[in-house]
Amino acid sequence: MPIINLKMAKRRTIEQKRAFVKGVTDLAVAALNVEPAWVTVVIDEYDRENWATDGETHSDKFGEGFGINNTGESL
């Protein structure tokens, strides 16, 4: 039974999460030859201030609006 842990920054919509989980599940089913009911997906979400690359938090490095399009929706 595969357990897949996804880590991403917060601010994705529920529709985006549903689509992402469906795609990951479908890929696991095809690649691992398992039943969809056997695939567990866990999403861990992080504030950008708690995520860092190259010694700098993403909120500092990319700014508060990073990952958000001009309508205020998550990308």
N, C-alpha and C. Protein backbone atom coordinates (compact mmCIF):
# COMPACT_ATOMS: atom_id res chain seq x y z
N MET A 1 0.85 -1.18 0.00
CA MET A 1 0.00 0.00 0.00
C MET A 1 0.89 1.24 0.00
N PRO A 2 0.96 1.98 -1.11
CA PRO A 2 1.78 3.19 -1.14
C PRO A 2 1.16 4.32 -0.33
N ILE A 3 2.01 4.99 0.42
CA ILE A 3 1.63 6.21 1.13
C ILE A 3 2.50 7.31 0.56
N ILE A 4 1.86 8.29 -0.04
CA ILE A 4 2.58 9.37 -0.73
C ILE A 4 2.37 10.65 0.06
N ASN A 5 3.48 11.26 0.47
CA ASN A 5 3.43 12.50 1.24
C ASN A 5 3.84 13.64 0.34
N LEU A 6 2.91 14.58 0.11
CA LEU A 6 3.16 15.75 -0.72
C LEU A 6 3.39 16.95 0.18
N LYS A 7 4.43 17.71 -0.10
CA LYS A 7 4.72 18.92 0.66
C LYS A 7 4.66 20.10 -0.29
N MET A 8 3.91 21.12 0.10
CA MET A 8 3.78 22.30 -0.75
C MET A 8 3.44 23.53 0.08
N ALA A 9 3.67 24.66 -0.52
CA ALA A 9 3.31 25.92 0.14
C ALA A 9 1.79 26.03 0.20
N LYS A 10 1.30 26.71 1.21
CA LYS A 10 -0.14 26.94 1.35
C LYS A 10 -0.66 27.82 0.23
N ARG A 11 -1.96 27.94 0.16
CA ARG A 11 -2.71 28.83 -0.71
C ARG A 11 -3.17 28.18 -2.00
N ARG A 12 -3.13 26.87 -2.10
CA ARG A 12 -3.73 26.20 -3.24
C ARG A 12 -5.22 26.04 -2.94
N THR A 13 -6.03 26.06 -3.99
CA THR A 13 -7.47 25.87 -3.80
C THR A 13 -7.79 24.39 -3.61
N ILE A 14 -8.95 24.11 -3.08
CA ILE A 14 -9.38 22.72 -2.90
C ILE A 14 -9.49 22.03 -4.26
N GLU A 15 -9.89 22.77 -5.29
CA GLU A 15 -9.97 22.20 -6.64
C GLU A 15 -8.59 21.77 -7.13
N GLN A 16 -7.58 22.60 -6.88
CA GLN A 16 -6.21 22.26 -7.28
C GLN A 16 -5.72 21.03 -6.52
N LYS A 17 -6.02 20.97 -5.24
CA LYS A 17 -5.60 19.81 -4.44
C LYS A 17 -6.28 18.54 -4.93
N ARG A 18 -7.57 18.63 -5.22
CA ARG A 18 -8.29 17.46 -5.73
C ARG A 18 -7.68 16.96 -7.03
N ALA A 19 -7.40 17.87 -7.94
CA ALA A 19 -6.81 17.50 -9.23
C ALA A 19 -5.42 16.89 -9.04
N PHE A 20 -4.63 17.48 -8.15
CA PHE A 20 -3.27 17.00 -7.91
C PHE A 20 -3.29 15.61 -7.29
N VAL A 21 -4.15 15.41 -6.28
CA VAL A 21 -4.25 14.11 -5.63
C VAL A 21 -4.74 13.05 -6.62
N LYS A 22 -5.68 13.40 -7.47
CA LYS A 22 -6.18 12.46 -8.48
C LYS A 22 -5.06 12.06 -9.43
N GLY A 23 -4.29 13.05 -9.89
CA GLY A 23 -3.18 12.76 -10.81
C GLY A 23 -2.11 11.90 -10.17
N VAL A 24 -1.75 12.21 -8.94
CA VAL A 24 -0.74 11.42 -8.23
C VAL A 24 -1.24 9.99 -8.00
N THR A 25 -2.50 9.86 -7.62
CA THR A 25 -3.08 8.53 -7.42
C THR A 25 -3.09 7.73 -8.71
N ASP A 26 -3.51 8.35 -9.80
CA ASP A 26 -3.54 7.67 -11.10
C ASP A 26 -2.15 7.22 -11.52
N LEU A 27 -1.15 8.05 -11.28
CA LEU A 27 0.23 7.70 -11.62
C LEU A 27 0.71 6.52 -10.77
N ALA A 28 0.42 6.55 -9.47
CA ALA A 28 0.82 5.45 -8.60
C ALA A 28 0.16 4.14 -9.03
N VAL A 29 -1.12 4.19 -9.38
CA VAL A 29 -1.85 3.00 -9.84
C VAL A 29 -1.17 2.42 -11.08
N ALA A 30 -0.85 3.28 -12.04
CA ALA A 30 -0.24 2.82 -13.29
C ALA A 30 1.19 2.32 -13.08
N ALA A 31 1.97 3.06 -12.31
CA ALA A 31 3.38 2.72 -12.15
C ALA A 31 3.60 1.53 -11.22
N LEU A 32 2.77 1.40 -10.22
CA LEU A 32 2.98 0.36 -9.19
C LEU A 32 2.04 -0.82 -9.32
N ASN A 33 1.11 -0.73 -10.28
CA ASN A 33 0.14 -1.81 -10.51
C ASN A 33 -0.61 -2.15 -9.23
N VAL A 34 -1.20 -1.11 -8.62
CA VAL A 34 -1.99 -1.28 -7.40
C VAL A 34 -3.39 -0.73 -7.62
N GLU A 35 -4.28 -1.07 -6.73
CA GLU A 35 -5.65 -0.56 -6.79
C GLU A 35 -5.68 0.88 -6.25
N PRO A 36 -6.54 1.75 -6.82
CA PRO A 36 -6.64 3.11 -6.30
C PRO A 36 -6.94 3.17 -4.81
N ALA A 37 -7.73 2.23 -4.31
CA ALA A 37 -8.08 2.22 -2.89
C ALA A 37 -6.88 1.95 -2.00
N TRP A 38 -5.81 1.44 -2.56
CA TRP A 38 -4.61 1.15 -1.78
C TRP A 38 -3.69 2.37 -1.66
N VAL A 39 -3.95 3.41 -2.44
CA VAL A 39 -3.07 4.57 -2.48
C VAL A 39 -3.56 5.61 -1.47
N THR A 40 -2.69 5.99 -0.56
CA THR A 40 -2.97 7.04 0.41
C THR A 40 -2.11 8.24 0.08
N VAL A 41 -2.72 9.43 0.05
CA VAL A 41 -1.99 10.66 -0.22
C VAL A 41 -2.21 11.61 0.95
N VAL A 42 -1.11 12.14 1.47
CA VAL A 42 -1.15 13.11 2.58
C VAL A 42 -0.52 14.40 2.08
N ILE A 43 -1.21 15.51 2.28
CA ILE A 43 -0.68 16.81 1.88
C ILE A 43 -0.27 17.57 3.13
N ASP A 44 1.00 17.94 3.19
CA ASP A 44 1.50 18.83 4.24
C ASP A 44 1.67 20.21 3.61
N GLU A 45 1.04 21.21 4.22
CA GLU A 45 1.13 22.57 3.70
C GLU A 45 1.93 23.45 4.65
N TYR A 46 2.72 24.34 4.07
CA TYR A 46 3.59 25.19 4.85
C TYR A 46 3.39 26.65 4.48
N ASP A 47 3.43 27.51 5.49
CA ASP A 47 3.49 28.94 5.22
C ASP A 47 4.83 29.23 4.58
N ARG A 48 4.88 30.22 3.71
CA ARG A 48 6.12 30.55 3.02
C ARG A 48 7.20 31.03 3.99
N GLU A 49 6.80 31.51 5.14
CA GLU A 49 7.80 31.93 6.13
C GLU A 49 8.45 30.73 6.81
N ASN A 50 7.86 29.54 6.65
CA ASN A 50 8.41 28.31 7.23
C ASN A 50 9.07 27.42 6.19
N TRP A 51 9.35 27.96 5.01
CA TRP A 51 9.95 27.21 3.92
C TRP A 51 11.13 28.05 3.42
N ALA A 52 12.29 27.46 3.33
CA ALA A 52 13.48 28.22 2.94
C ALA A 52 14.28 27.48 1.89
N THR A 53 14.94 28.24 1.03
CA THR A 53 15.86 27.73 0.03
C THR A 53 17.08 28.63 0.04
N ASP A 54 18.24 28.02 0.01
CA ASP A 54 19.49 28.78 -0.07
C ASP A 54 19.64 29.74 1.11
N GLY A 55 19.17 29.31 2.29
CA GLY A 55 19.33 30.10 3.51
C GLY A 55 18.41 31.29 3.67
N GLU A 56 17.34 31.32 2.87
CA GLU A 56 16.42 32.45 2.94
C GLU A 56 14.99 31.95 2.85
N THR A 57 14.11 32.45 3.73
CA THR A 57 12.72 32.01 3.68
C THR A 57 12.08 32.44 2.35
N HIS A 58 11.12 31.68 1.92
CA HIS A 58 10.44 32.02 0.66
C HIS A 58 9.65 33.31 0.76
N SER A 59 9.14 33.63 1.95
CA SER A 59 8.43 34.90 2.09
C SER A 59 9.39 36.07 1.89
N ASP A 60 10.64 35.94 2.35
CA ASP A 60 11.64 37.00 2.12
C ASP A 60 12.19 36.96 0.70
N LYS A 61 12.46 35.77 0.23
CA LYS A 61 13.12 35.60 -1.08
C LYS A 61 12.21 35.99 -2.24
N PHE A 62 10.94 35.57 -2.17
CA PHE A 62 10.05 35.75 -3.30
C PHE A 62 8.95 36.78 -3.05
N GLY A 63 8.74 37.17 -1.82
CA GLY A 63 7.69 38.14 -1.52
C GLY A 63 6.38 37.46 -1.20
N GLU A 64 5.50 38.19 -0.60
CA GLU A 64 4.22 37.66 -0.12
C GLU A 64 3.32 37.17 -1.25
N GLY A 65 3.38 37.79 -2.42
CA GLY A 65 2.48 37.42 -3.51
C GLY A 65 2.98 36.30 -4.39
N PHE A 66 4.16 35.74 -4.09
CA PHE A 66 4.72 34.68 -4.93
C PHE A 66 3.77 33.48 -4.99
N GLY A 67 3.53 32.97 -6.20
CA GLY A 67 2.65 31.83 -6.37
C GLY A 67 1.19 32.21 -6.52
N ILE A 68 0.91 33.49 -6.54
CA ILE A 68 -0.46 33.99 -6.68
C ILE A 68 -0.53 34.78 -7.98
N ASN A 69 -1.54 34.49 -8.79
CA ASN A 69 -1.66 35.26 -10.05
C ASN A 69 -2.33 36.62 -9.79
N ASN A 70 -2.47 37.40 -10.81
CA ASN A 70 -2.93 38.78 -10.64
C ASN A 70 -4.40 38.90 -10.22
N THR A 71 -5.13 37.79 -10.14
CA THR A 71 -6.51 37.84 -9.66
C THR A 71 -6.58 37.47 -8.18
N GLY A 72 -5.42 37.18 -7.58
CA GLY A 72 -5.39 36.80 -6.18
C GLY A 72 -5.59 35.33 -5.95
N GLU A 73 -5.75 34.55 -7.02
CA GLU A 73 -5.93 33.12 -6.89
C GLU A 73 -4.59 32.42 -6.90
N SER A 74 -4.52 31.26 -6.26
CA SER A 74 -3.29 30.47 -6.26
C SER A 74 -3.02 29.95 -7.66
N LEU A 75 -1.76 29.84 -7.97
CA LEU A 75 -1.35 29.21 -9.23
C LEU A 75 -1.23 27.73 -9.05
